PDB file of N, CA and C in Angstrom:
ATOM      1  N   TYR A   1     115.379  26.749 163.670  1.00  0.00           N
ATOM      2  CA  TYR A   1     114.183  27.515 163.367  1.00  0.00           C
ATOM      3  C   TYR A   1     112.956  26.905 164.050  1.00  0.00           C
ATOM      4  N   ILE A   2     112.794  25.611 163.910  1.00  0.00           N
ATOM      5  CA  ILE A   2     111.637  24.947 164.524  1.00  0.00           C
ATOM      6  C   ILE A   2     111.709  25.050 166.046  1.00  0.00           C
ATOM      7  N   ALA A   3     112.900  24.894 166.603  1.00  0.00           N
ATOM      8  CA  ALA A   3     113.047  25.012 168.057  1.00  0.00           C
ATOM      9  C   ALA A   3     112.651  26.413 168.524  1.00  0.00           C
ATOM     10  N   CYS A   4     113.016  27.424 167.761  1.00  0.00           N
ATOM     11  CA  CYS A   4     112.653  28.804 168.126  1.00  0.00           C
ATOM     12  C   CYS A   4     111.144  29.014 168.061  1.00  0.00           C
ATOM     13  N   LYS A   5     110.500  28.438 167.032  1.00  0.00           N
ATOM     14  CA  LYS A   5     109.044  28.573 166.933  1.00  0.00           C
ATOM     15  C   LYS A   5     108.364  27.937 168.140  1.00  0.00           C
ATOM     16  N   HIS A   6     108.842  26.765 168.532  1.00  0.00           N
ATOM     17  CA  HIS A   6     108.246  26.098 169.690  1.00  0.00           C
ATOM     18  C   HIS A   6     108.552  26.851 170.984  1.00  0.00           C
ATOM     19  N   ALA A   7     109.704  27.492 171.049  1.00  0.00           N
ATOM     20  CA  ALA A   7     110.029  28.300 172.225  1.00  0.00           C
ATOM     21  C   ALA A   7     109.055  29.473 172.348  1.00  0.00           C
ATOM     22  N   VAL A   8     108.732  30.106 171.228  1.00  0.00           N
ATOM     23  CA  VAL A   8     107.775  31.219 171.250  1.00  0.00           C
ATOM     24  C   VAL A   8     106.402  30.731 171.709  1.00  0.00           C
ATOM     25  N   ILE A   9     105.980  29.566 171.230  1.00  0.00           N
ATOM     26  CA  ILE A   9     104.687  29.014 171.641  1.00  0.00           C
ATOM     27  C   ILE A   9     104.699  28.693 173.134  1.00  0.00           C
ATOM     28  N   GLY A  10     105.780  28.112 173.623  1.00  0.00           N
ATOM     29  CA  GLY A  10     105.892  27.820 175.054  1.00  0.00           C
ATOM     30  C   GLY A  10     105.880  29.085 175.890  1.00  0.00           C
ATOM     31  N   LEU A  11     106.594  30.097 175.445  1.00  0.00           N
ATOM     32  CA  LEU A  11     106.608  31.380 176.152  1.00  0.00           C
ATOM     33  C   LEU A  11     105.217  32.014 176.144  1.00  0.00           C
ATOM     34  N   THR A  12     104.530  31.915 175.025  1.00  0.00           N
ATOM     35  CA  THR A  12     103.165  32.444 174.925  1.00  0.00           C
ATOM     36  C   THR A  12     102.263  31.792 175.961  1.00  0.00           C
ATOM     37  N   ARG A  13     102.321  30.490 176.056  1.00  0.00           N
ATOM     38  CA  ARG A  13     101.461  29.763 176.997  1.00  0.00           C
ATOM     39  C   ARG A  13     101.813  30.088 178.444  1.00  0.00           C
ATOM     40  N   THR A  14     103.091  30.115 178.739  1.00  0.00           N
ATOM     41  CA  THR A  14     103.527  30.410 180.107  1.00  0.00           C
ATOM     42  C   THR A  14     103.143  31.830 180.507  1.00  0.00           C
ATOM     43  N   ALA A  15     103.376  32.781 179.618  1.00  0.00           N
ATOM     44  CA  ALA A  15     103.039  34.171 179.921  1.00  0.00           C
ATOM     45  C   ALA A  15     101.530  34.344 180.075  1.00  0.00           C
ATOM     46  N   ALA A  16     100.759  33.615 179.280  1.00  0.00           N
ATOM     47  CA  ALA A  16      99.298  33.697 179.406  1.00  0.00           C
ATOM     48  C   ALA A  16      98.849  33.242 180.785  1.00  0.00           C
ATOM     49  N   ILE A  17      99.449  32.180 181.285  1.00  0.00           N
ATOM     50  CA  ILE A  17      99.114  31.705 182.635  1.00  0.00           C
ATOM     51  C   ILE A  17      99.467  32.774 183.666  1.00  0.00           C
ATOM     52  N   ASP A  18     100.627  33.375 183.511  1.00  0.00           N
ATOM     53  CA  ASP A  18     101.097  34.364 184.484  1.00  0.00           C
ATOM     54  C   ASP A  18     100.280  35.658 184.476  1.00  0.00           C
ATOM     55  N   TYR A  19      99.761  36.071 183.320  1.00  0.00           N
ATOM     56  CA  TYR A  19      99.140  37.387 183.208  1.00  0.00           C
ATOM     57  C   TYR A  19      97.630  37.382 182.998  1.00  0.00           C
ATOM     58  N   SER A  20      97.042  36.236 182.761  1.00  0.00           N
ATOM     59  CA  SER A  20      95.605  36.175 182.473  1.00  0.00           C
ATOM     60  C   SER A  20      94.759  36.774 183.594  1.00  0.00           C
ATOM     61  N   ALA A  21      95.081  36.485 184.833  1.00  0.00           N
ATOM     62  CA  ALA A  21      94.302  36.998 185.970  1.00  0.00           C
ATOM     63  C   ALA A  21      94.359  38.525 186.061  1.00  0.00           C
ATOM     64  N   LYS A  22      95.345  39.136 185.414  1.00  0.00           N
ATOM     65  CA  LYS A  22      95.475  40.599 185.414  1.00  0.00           C
ATOM     66  C   LYS A  22      94.765  41.221 184.210  1.00  0.00           C
ATOM     67  N   GLY A  23      94.071  40.384 183.432  1.00  0.00           N
ATOM     68  CA  GLY A  23      93.357  40.893 182.269  1.00  0.00           C
ATOM     69  C   GLY A  23      94.222  41.093 181.040  1.00  0.00           C
ATOM     70  N   ILE A  24      95.416  40.545 181.068  1.00  0.00           N
ATOM     71  CA  ILE A  24      96.324  40.667 179.928  1.00  0.00           C
ATOM     72  C   ILE A  24      96.301  39.347 179.164  1.00  0.00           C
ATOM     73  N   ARG A  25      95.874  39.416 177.915  1.00  0.00           N
ATOM     74  CA  ARG A  25      95.835  38.218 177.078  1.00  0.00           C
ATOM     75  C   ARG A  25      97.087  38.150 176.222  1.00  0.00           C
ATOM     76  N   ILE A  26      97.649  36.965 176.111  1.00  0.00           N
ATOM     77  CA  ILE A  26      98.864  36.768 175.325  1.00  0.00           C
ATOM     78  C   ILE A  26      98.636  35.600 174.380  1.00  0.00           C
ATOM     79  N   ASN A  27      98.799  35.873 173.098  1.00  0.00           N
ATOM     80  CA  ASN A  27      98.638  34.875 172.055  1.00  0.00           C
ATOM     81  C   ASN A  27      99.773  35.024 171.052  1.00  0.00           C
ATOM     82  N   ALA A  28      99.916  34.041 170.203  1.00  0.00           N
ATOM     83  CA  ALA A  28     100.921  34.087 169.142  1.00  0.00           C
ATOM     84  C   ALA A  28     100.227  33.853 167.807  1.00  0.00           C
ATOM     85  N   VAL A  29     100.746  34.470 166.775  1.00  0.00           N
ATOM     86  CA  VAL A  29     100.284  34.219 165.417  1.00  0.00           C
ATOM     87  C   VAL A  29     101.405  33.486 164.697  1.00  0.00           C
ATOM     88  N   CYS A  30     101.055  32.358 164.092  1.00  0.00           N
ATOM     89  CA  CYS A  30     102.025  31.523 163.376  1.00  0.00           C
ATOM     90  C   CYS A  30     101.694  31.578 161.887  1.00  0.00           C
ATOM     91  N   PRO A  31     102.323  32.489 161.163  1.00  0.00           N
ATOM     92  CA  PRO A  31     101.991  32.636 159.747  1.00  0.00           C
ATOM     93  C   PRO A  31     102.662  31.572 158.888  1.00  0.00           C
ATOM     94  N   GLY A  32     102.009  31.298 157.775  1.00  0.00           N
ATOM     95  CA  GLY A  32     102.603  30.412 156.777  1.00  0.00           C
ATOM     96  C   GLY A  32     103.416  31.233 155.797  1.00  0.00           C
ATOM     97  N   VAL A  33     103.496  30.754 154.570  1.00  0.00           N
ATOM     98  CA  VAL A  33     104.222  31.475 153.529  1.00  0.00           C
ATOM     99  C   VAL A  33     103.317  32.604 153.038  1.00  0.00           C
ATOM    100  N   ILE A  34     103.796  33.815 153.209  1.00  0.00           N
ATOM    101  CA  ILE A  34     103.004  35.004 152.901  1.00  0.00           C
ATOM    102  C   ILE A  34     103.633  35.743 151.719  1.00  0.00           C
ATOM    103  N   ARG A  35     102.776  36.237 150.839  1.00  0.00           N
ATOM    104  CA  ARG A  35     103.245  36.955 149.651  1.00  0.00           C
ATOM    105  C   ARG A  35     103.704  38.363 150.065  1.00  0.00           C
ATOM    106  N   THR A  36     104.935  38.436 150.499  1.00  0.00           N
ATOM    107  CA  THR A  36     105.555  39.696 150.909  1.00  0.00           C
ATOM    108  C   THR A  36     106.539  40.134 149.823  1.00  0.00           C
ATOM    109  N   PRO A  37     107.072  41.342 149.905  1.00  0.00           N
ATOM    110  CA  PRO A  37     108.095  41.736 148.934  1.00  0.00           C
ATOM    111  C   PRO A  37     109.284  40.767 148.919  1.00  0.00           C
ATOM    112  N   MET A  38     109.672  40.251 150.077  1.00  0.00           N
ATOM    113  CA  MET A  38     110.777  39.294 150.111  1.00  0.00           C
ATOM    114  C   MET A  38     110.412  38.016 149.355  1.00  0.00           C
ATOM    115  N   ALA A  39     109.201  37.505 149.582  1.00  0.00           N
ATOM    116  CA  ALA A  39     108.760  36.299 148.873  1.00  0.00           C
ATOM    117  C   ALA A  39     108.669  36.568 147.375  1.00  0.00           C
ATOM    118  N   GLU A  40     108.147  37.716 147.002  1.00  0.00           N
ATOM    119  CA  GLU A  40     108.043  38.068 145.582  1.00  0.00           C
ATOM    120  C   GLU A  40     109.413  38.091 144.915  1.00  0.00           C
ATOM    121  N   GLU A  41     110.405  38.626 145.611  1.00  0.00           N
ATOM    122  CA  GLU A  41     111.763  38.675 145.055  1.00  0.00           C
ATOM    123  C   GLU A  41     112.323  37.265 144.879  1.00  0.00           C
ATOM    124  N   LEU A  42     112.114  36.405 145.864  1.00  0.00           N
ATOM    125  CA  LEU A  42     112.583  35.021 145.746  1.00  0.00           C
ATOM    126  C   LEU A  42     111.897  34.307 144.586  1.00  0.00           C
ATOM    127  N   ILE A  43     110.612  34.535 144.426  1.00  0.00           N
ATOM    128  CA  ILE A  43     109.859  33.917 143.327  1.00  0.00           C
ATOM    129  C   ILE A  43     110.325  34.482 141.987  1.00  0.00           C
ATOM    130  N   ARG A  44     110.611  35.768 141.947  1.00  0.00           N
ATOM    131  CA  ARG A  44     111.105  36.382 140.709  1.00  0.00           C
ATOM    132  C   ARG A  44     112.415  35.731 140.277  1.00  0.00           C
ATOM    133  N   ARG A  45     113.285  35.439 141.251  1.00  0.00           N
ATOM    134  CA  ARG A  45     114.578  34.822 140.942  1.00  0.00           C
ATOM    135  C   ARG A  45     114.463  33.337 140.625  1.00  0.00           C
ATOM    136  N   ASN A  46     113.418  32.699 141.136  1.00  0.00           N
ATOM    137  CA  ASN A  46     113.213  31.268 140.907  1.00  0.00           C
ATOM    138  C   ASN A  46     111.739  31.051 140.554  1.00  0.00           C
ATOM    139  N   PRO A  47     111.387  31.155 139.278  1.00  0.00           N
ATOM    140  CA  PRO A  47     109.982  31.081 138.873  1.00  0.00           C
ATOM    141  C   PRO A  47     109.252  29.800 139.294  1.00  0.00           C
ATOM    142  N   ASP A  48     109.949  28.714 139.501  1.00  0.00           N
ATOM    143  CA  ASP A  48     109.299  27.464 139.913  1.00  0.00           C
ATOM    144  C   ASP A  48     109.014  27.412 141.414  1.00  0.00           C
ATOM    145  N   LEU A  49     109.576  28.338 142.159  1.00  0.00           N
ATOM    146  CA  LEU A  49     109.446  28.303 143.617  1.00  0.00           C
ATOM    147  C   LEU A  49     107.993  28.410 144.071  1.00  0.00           C
ATOM    148  N   GLU A  50     107.226  29.295 143.462  1.00  0.00           N
ATOM    149  CA  GLU A  50     105.837  29.457 143.901  1.00  0.00           C
ATOM    150  C   GLU A  50     105.058  28.153 143.738  1.00  0.00           C
ATOM    151  N   LYS A  51     105.232  27.474 142.604  1.00  0.00           N
ATOM    152  CA  LYS A  51     104.543  26.190 142.401  1.00  0.00           C
ATOM    153  C   LYS A  51     104.943  25.178 143.463  1.00  0.00           C
ATOM    154  N   GLU A  52     106.234  25.150 143.798  1.00  0.00           N
ATOM    155  CA  GLU A  52     106.725  24.225 144.827  1.00  0.00           C
ATOM    156  C   GLU A  52     106.105  24.542 146.185  1.00  0.00           C
ATOM    157  N   LEU A  53     106.045  25.805 146.535  1.00  0.00           N
ATOM    158  CA  LEU A  53     105.474  26.209 147.823  1.00  0.00           C
ATOM    159  C   LEU A  53     103.983  25.901 147.889  1.00  0.00           C
ATOM    160  N   VAL A  54     103.263  26.261 146.850  1.00  0.00           N
ATOM    161  CA  VAL A  54     101.809  26.091 146.827  1.00  0.00           C
ATOM    162  C   VAL A  54     101.428  24.614 146.841  1.00  0.00           C
ATOM    163  N   ARG A  55     102.255  23.775 146.260  1.00  0.00           N
ATOM    164  CA  ARG A  55     101.982  22.335 146.229  1.00  0.00           C
ATOM    165  C   ARG A  55     101.765  21.780 147.638  1.00  0.00           C
ATOM    166  N   ASP A  56     102.447  22.335 148.623  1.00  0.00           N
ATOM    167  CA  ASP A  56     102.361  21.845 150.000  1.00  0.00           C
ATOM    168  C   ASP A  56     101.364  22.613 150.868  1.00  0.00           C
ATOM    169  N   ILE A  57     100.647  23.549 150.283  1.00  0.00           N
ATOM    170  CA  ILE A  57      99.661  24.336 151.028  1.00  0.00           C
ATOM    171  C   ILE A  57      98.265  23.892 150.586  1.00  0.00           C
ATOM    172  N   PRO A  58      97.511  23.216 151.456  1.00  0.00           N
ATOM    173  CA  PRO A  58      96.186  22.746 151.060  1.00  0.00           C
ATOM    174  C   PRO A  58      95.261  23.843 150.524  1.00  0.00           C
ATOM    175  N   ALA A  59      95.412  25.075 150.985  1.00  0.00           N
ATOM    176  CA  ALA A  59      94.576  26.172 150.482  1.00  0.00           C
ATOM    177  C   ALA A  59      94.893  26.508 149.025  1.00  0.00           C
ATOM    178  N   GLY A  60      96.040  26.049 148.537  1.00  0.00           N
ATOM    179  CA  GLY A  60      96.383  26.214 147.133  1.00  0.00           C
ATOM    180  C   GLY A  60      96.931  27.567 146.734  1.00  0.00           C
ATOM    181  N   ARG A  61      97.395  28.339 147.704  1.00  0.00           N
ATOM    182  CA  ARG A  61      97.942  29.663 147.390  1.00  0.00           C
ATOM    183  C   ARG A  61      98.787  30.159 148.549  1.00  0.00           C
ATOM    184  N   LEU A  62      99.559  31.212 148.279  1.00  0.00           N
ATOM    185  CA  LEU A  62     100.294  31.888 149.343  1.00  0.00           C
ATOM    186  C   LEU A  62      99.329  32.798 150.096  1.00  0.00           C
ATOM    187  N   GLY A  63      99.657  33.065 151.338  1.00  0.00           N
ATOM    188  CA  GLY A  63      98.839  33.967 152.128  1.00  0.00           C
ATOM    189  C   GLY A  63      99.085  35.418 151.756  1.00  0.00           C
ATOM    190  N   LYS A  64      98.176  36.265 152.188  1.00  0.00           N
ATOM    191  CA  LYS A  64      98.293  37.706 151.947  1.00  0.00           C
ATOM    192  C   LYS A  64      98.624  38.394 153.268  1.00  0.00           C
ATOM    193  N   PRO A  65      99.444  39.445 153.226  1.00  0.00           N
ATOM    194  CA  PRO A  65      99.767  40.159 154.463  1.00  0.00           C
ATOM    195  C   PRO A  65      98.527  40.605 155.237  1.00  0.00           C
ATOM    196  N   GLU A  66      97.481  41.028 154.520  1.00  0.00           N
ATOM    197  CA  GLU A  66      96.278  41.488 155.212  1.00  0.00           C
ATOM    198  C   GLU A  66      95.575  40.356 155.956  1.00  0.00           C
ATOM    199  N   GLU A  67      95.804  39.108 155.548  1.00  0.00           N
ATOM    200  CA  GLU A  67      95.211  37.986 156.279  1.00  0.00           C
ATOM    201  C   GLU A  67      95.881  37.809 157.638  1.00  0.00           C
ATOM    202  N   ILE A  68      97.170  38.074 157.700  1.00  0.00           N
ATOM    203  CA  ILE A  68      97.870  38.034 158.987  1.00  0.00           C
ATOM    204  C   ILE A  68      97.390  39.204 159.846  1.00  0.00           C
ATOM    205  N   ALA A  69      97.296  40.384 159.231  1.00  0.00           N
ATOM    206  CA  ALA A  69      96.820  41.561 159.967  1.00  0.00           C
ATOM    207  C   ALA A  69      95.416  41.331 160.517  1.00  0.00           C
ATOM    208  N   ASN A  70      94.545  40.725 159.728  1.00  0.00           N
ATOM    209  CA  ASN A  70      93.181  40.455 160.195  1.00  0.00           C
ATOM    210  C   ASN A  70      93.167  39.486 161.369  1.00  0.00           C
ATOM    211  N   ALA A  71      94.051  38.506 161.356  1.00  0.00           N
ATOM    212  CA  ALA A  71      94.138  37.572 162.484  1.00  0.00           C
ATOM    213  C   ALA A  71      94.566  38.306 163.752  1.00  0.00           C
ATOM    214  N   VAL A  72      95.539  39.192 163.620  1.00  0.00           N
ATOM    215  CA  VAL A  72      96.002  39.971 164.777  1.00  0.00           C
ATOM    216  C   VAL A  72      94.888  40.887 165.278  1.00  0.00           C
ATOM    217  N   LEU A  73      94.203  41.544 164.358  1.00  0.00           N
ATOM    218  CA  LEU A  73      93.094  42.416 164.763  1.00  0.00           C
ATOM    219  C   LEU A  73      92.019  41.630 165.497  1.00  0.00           C
ATOM    220  N   TRP A  74      91.705  40.434 165.014  1.00  0.00           N
ATOM    221  CA  TRP A  74      90.705  39.612 165.696  1.00  0.00           C
ATOM    222  C   TRP A  74      91.177  39.250 167.098  1.00  0.00           C
ATOM    223  N   LEU A  75      92.432  38.821 167.228  1.00  0.00           N
ATOM    224  CA  LEU A  75      92.944  38.461 168.555  1.00  0.00           C
ATOM    225  C   LEU A  75      92.889  39.640 169.522  1.00  0.00           C
ATOM    226  N   CYS A  76      93.031  40.844 169.013  1.00  0.00           N
ATOM    227  CA  CYS A  76      92.992  42.045 169.859  1.00  0.00           C
ATOM    228  C   CYS A  76      91.575  42.549 170.109  1.00  0.00           C
ATOM    229  N   SER A  77      90.607  41.959 169.458  1.00  0.00           N
ATOM    230  CA  SER A  77      89.235  42.454 169.537  1.00  0.00           C
ATOM    231  C   SER A  77      88.470  41.843 170.709  1.00  0.00           C
ATOM    232  N   PRO A  78      87.340  42.455 171.067  1.00  0.00           N
ATOM    233  CA  PRO A  78      86.485  41.881 172.116  1.00  0.00           C
ATOM    234  C   PRO A  78      85.946  40.494 171.748  1.00  0.00           C
ATOM    235  N   GLN A  79      85.829  40.204 170.448  1.00  0.00           N
ATOM    236  CA  GLN A  79      85.339  38.890 170.029  1.00  0.00           C
ATOM    237  C   GLN A  79      86.271  37.758 170.461  1.00  0.00           C
ATOM    238  N   ALA A  80      87.520  38.078 170.728  1.00  0.00           N
ATOM    239  CA  ALA A  80      88.490  37.067 171.158  1.00  0.00           C
ATOM    240  C   ALA A  80      88.849  37.234 172.630  1.00  0.00           C
ATOM    241  N   SER A  81      87.945  37.800 173.407  1.00  0.00           N
ATOM    242  CA  SER A  81      88.258  38.139 174.801  1.00  0.00           C
ATOM    243  C   SER A  81      88.560  36.935 175.688  1.00  0.00           C
ATOM    244  N   PHE A  82      88.150  35.744 175.274  1.00  0.00           N
ATOM    245  CA  PHE A  82      88.417  34.545 176.076  1.00  0.00           C
ATOM    246  C   PHE A  82      89.473  33.660 175.414  1.00  0.00           C
ATOM    247  N   VAL A  83      90.140  34.177 174.402  1.00  0.00           N
ATOM    248  CA  VAL A  83      91.232  33.467 173.730  1.00  0.00           C
ATOM    249  C   VAL A  83      92.520  33.917 174.396  1.00  0.00           C
ATOM    250  N   ASP A  84      93.210  32.986 175.003  1.00  0.00           N
ATOM    251  CA  ASP A  84      94.419  33.333 175.758  1.00  0.00           C
ATOM    252  C   ASP A  84      95.381  32.150 175.736  1.00  0.00           C
ATOM    253  N   GLY A  85      96.634  32.424 175.438  1.00  0.00           N
ATOM    254  CA  GLY A  85      97.641  31.370 175.411  1.00  0.00           C
ATOM    255  C   GLY A  85      97.591  30.526 174.152  1.00  0.00           C
ATOM    256  N   HIS A  86      97.009  31.067 173.106  1.00  0.00           N
ATOM    257  CA  HIS A  86      96.789  30.304 171.877  1.00  0.00           C
ATOM    258  C   HIS A  86      97.825  30.660 170.812  1.00  0.00           C
ATOM    259  N   ALA A  87      98.253  29.661 170.056  1.00  0.00           N
ATOM    260  CA  ALA A  87      99.103  29.868 168.885  1.00  0.00           C
ATOM    261  C   ALA A  87      98.211  29.703 167.659  1.00  0.00           C
ATOM    262  N   LEU A  88      97.835  30.802 167.058  1.00  0.00           N
ATOM    263  CA  LEU A  88      96.896  30.802 165.938  1.00  0.00           C
ATOM    264  C   LEU A  88      97.641  30.558 164.630  1.00  0.00           C
ATOM    265  N   LEU A  89      97.335  29.433 163.990  1.00  0.00           N
ATOM    266  CA  LEU A  89      97.928  29.106 162.695  1.00  0.00           C
ATOM    267  C   LEU A  89      97.196  29.876 161.608  1.00  0.00           C
ATOM    268  N   VAL A  90      97.931  30.636 160.834  1.00  0.00           N
ATOM    269  CA  VAL A  90      97.368  31.363 159.696  1.00  0.00           C
ATOM    270  C   VAL A  90      98.231  30.964 158.503  1.00  0.00           C
ATOM    271  N   ASP A  91      97.976  29.734 158.022  1.00  0.00           N
ATOM    272  CA  ASP A  91      98.891  29.167 157.029  1.00  0.00           C
ATOM    273  C   ASP A  91      98.216  28.324 155.950  1.00  0.00           C
ATOM    274  N   GLY A  92      96.921  28.504 155.750  1.00  0.00           N
ATOM    275  CA  GLY A  92      96.238  27.759 154.702  1.00  0.00           C
ATOM    276  C   GLY A  92      96.260  26.260 154.904  1.00  0.00           C
ATOM    277  N   ALA A  93      96.297  25.819 156.148  1.00  0.00           N
ATOM    278  CA  ALA A  93      96.307  24.402 156.562  1.00  0.00           C
ATOM    279  C   ALA A  93      97.646  23.712 156.314  1.00  0.00           C
ATOM    280  N   PHE A  94      98.693  24.479 156.031  1.00  0.00           N
ATOM    281  CA  PHE A  94     100.016  23.885 155.796  1.00  0.00           C
ATOM    282  C   PHE A  94     100.489  23.060 156.994  1.00  0.00           C
ATOM    283  N   SER A  95     100.342  23.592 158.195  1.00  0.00           N
ATOM    284  CA  SER A  95     100.878  22.929 159.393  1.00  0.00           C
ATOM    285  C   SER A  95     100.210  21.602 159.702  1.00  0.00           C
ATOM    286  N   ILE A  96      98.971  21.440 159.282  1.00  0.00           N
ATOM    287  CA  ILE A  96      98.264  20.193 159.585  1.00  0.00           C
ATOM    288  C   ILE A  96      98.245  19.243 158.399  1.00  0.00           C
ATOM    289  N   HIS A  97      98.881  19.630 157.327  1.00  0.00           N
ATOM    290  CA  HIS A  97      98.900  18.831 156.102  1.00  0.00           C
ATOM    291  C   HIS A  97      99.838  17.656 156.231  1.00  0.00           C
TER     292      HIS A  97
END
């Protein structure tokens, strides 16, 4: 799993180099644990799971799907026009903890 995540980041960076001069921006979004129906089902089956997950997230909560969507919308917006080849962490500081 970790090797695949790093492969996606490497591909993102390489593709950004190849396509940036053509005006095509390529970025990756790296989400943390998000409160999705799948996560809700896992938590329903294991009530202690949410506490265990949140313990390792400095933000103190699971992410919301709309927070991932907002990150993608920002990356696609003119405000991010000079952001290229970036792996955007949207994980409540989990990755740097």
